[in-house]
Amino acid sequence: MVLTEIIPATIVPFPSDNTRRKEGAELTFNGRVRGTEHDKEILFLDYEHYEGMAEQELRTLANETAGKFPIQDLFCRHRVGRIAIGETSLHIVIWSRHRKEGIEAMTYFIRELKKRVPIWKWAVLVSGERVPSECVHQD
């Protein structure tokens, strides 16, 4: 099963499920807002998205990931709007039979999400300046 959401409110994590009997791995990723962006102190991040298109591309990517890797479920919530330091902006849970395929699927999904889903992140610096926040590191 694939479940994706883009929401403008605080992310409520997907619950863990101790009734699962076929999956040995439950991977959870929470992307949080750091207090700095490119070595500059920030006040918060502001996420914007191309409404409609972002939801569709996120769902397409999740389905593609579920088809490419032997995973059972992929759940994703991505937040938009103003997000304070320390808060979660991205929450993903992947269930798989073994950890290896779950980790590979998670890595692929996050890398492709940052490339393909039209969600833009702006850092608001302590000075009040609003600058684009780009992911420039490798995986």
C-alpha atoms as a PDB file:
ATOM      1  CA  MET A   1       0.000   0.000   0.000  1.00  0.00           C
ATOM      2  CA  VAL A   2       1.170   3.504  -0.793  1.00  0.00           C
ATOM      3  CA  LEU A   3      -0.077   6.558   1.080  1.00  0.00           C
ATOM      4  CA  THR A   4       1.179  10.094   0.393  1.00  0.00           C
ATOM      5  CA  GLU A   5       0.081  13.460   1.757  1.00  0.00           C
ATOM      6  CA  ILE A   6       1.202  17.053   1.502  1.00  0.00           C
ATOM      7  CA  ILE A   7      -0.164  18.936   4.493  1.00  0.00           C
ATOM      8  CA  PRO A   8       0.001  22.511   5.848  1.00  0.00           C
ATOM      9  CA  ALA A   9      -0.051  21.468   9.523  1.00  0.00           C
ATOM     10  CA  THR A  10       2.092  19.704  12.099  1.00  0.00           C
ATOM     11  CA  ILE A  11       2.926  16.163  11.010  1.00  0.00           C
ATOM     12  CA  VAL A  12       1.387  13.401  13.071  1.00  0.00           C
ATOM     13  CA  PRO A  13       3.626  10.322  12.630  1.00  0.00           C
ATOM     14  CA  PHE A  14       2.211   7.138  11.172  1.00  0.00           C
ATOM     15  CA  PRO A  15       1.806   4.618  14.007  1.00  0.00           C
ATOM     16  CA  SER A  16       4.074   1.620  14.360  1.00  0.00           C
ATOM     17  CA  ASP A  17       2.339  -1.712  13.820  1.00  0.00           C
ATOM     18  CA  ASN A  18       3.299  -4.645  16.024  1.00  0.00           C
ATOM     19  CA  THR A  19       0.791  -6.960  14.321  1.00  0.00           C
ATOM     20  CA  ARG A  20       2.875  -7.352  11.166  1.00  0.00           C
ATOM     21  CA  ARG A  21       4.121 -10.902  10.675  1.00  0.00           C
ATOM     22  CA  LYS A  22       5.718 -10.859   7.199  1.00  0.00           C
ATOM     23  CA  GLU A  23       7.807  -7.698   7.374  1.00  0.00           C
ATOM     24  CA  GLY A  24      10.978  -7.735   9.453  1.00  0.00           C
ATOM     25  CA  ALA A  25      11.900  -4.100   8.844  1.00  0.00           C
ATOM     26  CA  GLU A  26      10.028  -0.906   9.629  1.00  0.00           C
ATOM     27  CA  LEU A  27      12.103   2.083   8.571  1.00  0.00           C
ATOM     28  CA  THR A  28      11.080   5.528   9.745  1.00  0.00           C
ATOM     29  CA  PHE A  29      12.627   8.766   8.546  1.00  0.00           C
ATOM     30  CA  ASN A  30      11.874  12.181  10.006  1.00  0.00           C
ATOM     31  CA  GLY A  31      13.411  15.169   8.257  1.00  0.00           C
ATOM     32  CA  ARG A  32      13.653  18.051  10.731  1.00  0.00           C
ATOM     33  CA  VAL A  33      14.415  21.737  10.387  1.00  0.00           C
ATOM     34  CA  ARG A  34      17.965  22.560  11.469  1.00  0.00           C
ATOM     35  CA  GLY A  35      18.877  25.860  13.099  1.00  0.00           C
ATOM     36  CA  THR A  36      21.323  26.707  10.320  1.00  0.00           C
ATOM     37  CA  GLU A  37      21.253  26.626   6.564  1.00  0.00           C
ATOM     38  CA  HIS A  38      24.580  26.825   4.687  1.00  0.00           C
ATOM     39  CA  ASP A  39      26.293  27.830   7.951  1.00  0.00           C
ATOM     40  CA  LYS A  40      23.894  30.749   8.542  1.00  0.00           C
ATOM     41  CA  GLU A  41      21.501  30.909  11.487  1.00  0.00           C
ATOM     42  CA  ILE A  42      17.834  30.756  10.503  1.00  0.00           C
ATOM     43  CA  LEU A  43      14.493  31.579  12.113  1.00  0.00           C
ATOM     44  CA  PHE A  44      12.434  28.944  10.229  1.00  0.00           C
ATOM     45  CA  LEU A  45      11.933  27.287   6.849  1.00  0.00           C
ATOM     46  CA  ASP A  46       9.095  28.081   4.489  1.00  0.00           C
ATOM     47  CA  TYR A  47       8.036  25.306   2.088  1.00  0.00           C
ATOM     48  CA  GLU A  48       6.015  26.078  -1.039  1.00  0.00           C
ATOM     49  CA  HIS A  49       4.621  23.592  -3.535  1.00  0.00           C
ATOM     50  CA  TYR A  50       2.985  23.468  -6.934  1.00  0.00           C
ATOM     51  CA  GLU A  51      -0.466  22.466  -5.699  1.00  0.00           C
ATOM     52  CA  GLY A  52      -1.935  19.473  -7.503  1.00  0.00           C
ATOM     53  CA  MET A  53       1.246  18.661  -9.393  1.00  0.00           C
ATOM     54  CA  ALA A  54       3.318  18.067  -6.232  1.00  0.00           C
ATOM     55  CA  GLU A  55       0.720  15.667  -4.816  1.00  0.00           C
ATOM     56  CA  GLN A  56       0.530  13.755  -8.097  1.00  0.00           C
ATOM     57  CA  GLU A  57       4.310  13.498  -8.519  1.00  0.00           C
ATOM     58  CA  LEU A  58       4.761  12.402  -4.898  1.00  0.00           C
ATOM     59  CA  ARG A  59       2.153   9.661  -5.373  1.00  0.00           C
ATOM     60  CA  THR A  60       3.725   8.616  -8.704  1.00  0.00           C
ATOM     61  CA  LEU A  61       7.170   8.436  -7.109  1.00  0.00           C
ATOM     62  CA  ALA A  62       5.880   6.403  -4.143  1.00  0.00           C
ATOM     63  CA  ASN A  63       4.170   3.915  -6.489  1.00  0.00           C
ATOM     64  CA  GLU A  64       7.302   3.739  -8.633  1.00  0.00           C
ATOM     65  CA  THR A  65       9.442   3.056  -5.541  1.00  0.00           C
ATOM     66  CA  ALA A  66       7.051   0.336  -4.363  1.00  0.00           C
ATOM     67  CA  GLY A  67       7.293  -1.287  -7.802  1.00  0.00           C
ATOM     68  CA  LYS A  68      11.067  -0.992  -8.053  1.00  0.00           C
ATOM     69  CA  PHE A  69      11.929  -2.390  -4.604  1.00  0.00           C
ATOM     70  CA  PRO A  70      10.503  -5.419  -2.749  1.00  0.00           C
ATOM     71  CA  ILE A  71       8.703  -3.402  -0.078  1.00  0.00           C
ATOM     72  CA  GLN A  72       5.214  -3.899   1.305  1.00  0.00           C
ATOM     73  CA  ASP A  73       4.168  -0.341   2.200  1.00  0.00           C
ATOM     74  CA  LEU A  74       5.403   3.211   1.782  1.00  0.00           C
ATOM     75  CA  PHE A  75       3.748   6.039   3.720  1.00  0.00           C
ATOM     76  CA  CYS A  76       4.856   9.650   3.296  1.00  0.00           C
ATOM     77  CA  ARG A  77       3.754  12.978   4.749  1.00  0.00           C
ATOM     78  CA  HIS A  78       5.419  16.177   3.564  1.00  0.00           C
ATOM     79  CA  ARG A  79       4.629  19.446   5.238  1.00  0.00           C
ATOM     80  CA  VAL A  80       4.351  22.829   3.528  1.00  0.00           C
ATOM     81  CA  GLY A  81       4.220  26.329   4.953  1.00  0.00           C
ATOM     82  CA  ARG A  82       6.223  27.825   7.803  1.00  0.00           C
ATOM     83  CA  ILE A  83       8.076  25.190   9.832  1.00  0.00           C
ATOM     84  CA  ALA A  84       9.949  26.019  13.031  1.00  0.00           C
ATOM     85  CA  ILE A  85      13.412  24.796  13.961  1.00  0.00           C
ATOM     86  CA  GLY A  86      13.255  21.254  15.310  1.00  0.00           C
ATOM     87  CA  GLU A  87       9.892  20.424  13.740  1.00  0.00           C
ATOM     88  CA  THR A  88       9.381  17.623  11.219  1.00  0.00           C
ATOM     89  CA  SER A  89       8.976  18.626   7.588  1.00  0.00           C
ATOM     90  CA  LEU A  90       9.075  15.119   6.088  1.00  0.00           C
ATOM     91  CA  HIS A  91       7.918  11.809   7.602  1.00  0.00           C
ATOM     92  CA  ILE A  92       8.336   8.493   5.770  1.00  0.00           C
ATOM     93  CA  VAL A  93       7.699   4.900   6.844  1.00  0.00           C
ATOM     94  CA  ILE A  94       8.675   1.920   4.712  1.00  0.00           C
ATOM     95  CA  TRP A  95       7.847  -1.690   5.560  1.00  0.00           C
ATOM     96  CA  SER A  96       9.936  -4.455   3.990  1.00  0.00           C
ATOM     97  CA  ARG A  97      10.752  -8.083   4.571  1.00  0.00           C
ATOM     98  CA  HIS A  98      14.410  -7.269   5.263  1.00  0.00           C
ATOM     99  CA  ARG A  99      16.280  -4.063   6.164  1.00  0.00           C
ATOM    100  CA  LYS A 100      18.488  -3.952   3.035  1.00  0.00           C
ATOM    101  CA  GLU A 101      15.670  -3.432   0.551  1.00  0.00           C
ATOM    102  CA  GLY A 102      13.950  -1.014   2.915  1.00  0.00           C
ATOM    103  CA  ILE A 103      17.086   1.102   3.254  1.00  0.00           C
ATOM    104  CA  GLU A 104      17.655   1.069  -0.497  1.00  0.00           C
ATOM    105  CA  ALA A 105      14.032   2.058  -1.148  1.00  0.00           C
ATOM    106  CA  MET A 106      14.202   4.866   1.430  1.00  0.00           C
ATOM    107  CA  THR A 107      17.418   6.255  -0.057  1.00  0.00           C
ATOM    108  CA  TYR A 108      15.991   6.147  -3.574  1.00  0.00           C
ATOM    109  CA  PHE A 109      12.663   7.679  -2.553  1.00  0.00           C
ATOM    110  CA  ILE A 110      14.194  10.644  -0.694  1.00  0.00           C
ATOM    111  CA  ARG A 111      16.771  11.341  -3.423  1.00  0.00           C
ATOM    112  CA  GLU A 112      14.111  11.313  -6.154  1.00  0.00           C
ATOM    113  CA  LEU A 113      11.631  13.324  -4.051  1.00  0.00           C
ATOM    114  CA  LYS A 114      14.177  16.148  -3.761  1.00  0.00           C
ATOM    115  CA  LYS A 115      14.803  16.040  -7.525  1.00  0.00           C
ATOM    116  CA  ARG A 116      11.302  15.533  -8.918  1.00  0.00           C
ATOM    117  CA  VAL A 117       8.555  16.734  -6.597  1.00  0.00           C
ATOM    118  CA  PRO A 118       7.834  20.469  -7.041  1.00  0.00           C
ATOM    119  CA  ILE A 119       8.300  21.512  -3.424  1.00  0.00           C
ATOM    120  CA  TRP A 120      10.596  24.462  -2.745  1.00  0.00           C
ATOM    121  CA  LYS A 121      12.293  25.268   0.530  1.00  0.00           C
ATOM    122  CA  TRP A 122      13.155  28.808   1.621  1.00  0.00           C
ATOM    123  CA  ALA A 123      15.302  29.588   4.643  1.00  0.00           C
ATOM    124  CA  VAL A 124      14.428  32.754   6.558  1.00  0.00           C
ATOM    125  CA  LEU A 125      17.640  34.034   8.067  1.00  0.00           C
ATOM    126  CA  VAL A 126      17.939  35.860  11.388  1.00  0.00           C
ATOM    127  CA  SER A 127      18.463  39.032   9.328  1.00  0.00           C
ATOM    128  CA  GLY A 128      14.981  38.492   7.837  1.00  0.00           C
ATOM    129  CA  GLU A 129      16.383  37.673   4.413  1.00  0.00           C
ATOM    130  CA  ARG A 130      14.574  34.845   2.589  1.00  0.00           C
ATOM    131  CA  VAL A 131      16.976  32.634   0.614  1.00  0.00           C
ATOM    132  CA  PRO A 132      16.471  29.426  -1.374  1.00  0.00           C
ATOM    133  CA  SER A 133      17.545  26.338   0.513  1.00  0.00           C
ATOM    134  CA  GLU A 134      19.037  23.742  -1.791  1.00  0.00           C
ATOM    135  CA  CYS A 135      20.239  20.243  -1.037  1.00  0.00           C
ATOM    136  CA  VAL A 136      23.777  20.168  -2.430  1.00  0.00           C
ATOM    137  CA  HIS A 137      25.223  17.081  -0.734  1.00  0.00           C
ATOM    138  CA  GLN A 138      25.215  13.557  -2.151  1.00  0.00           C
ATOM    139  CA  ASP A 139      22.675  11.161  -0.562  1.00  0.00           C
END
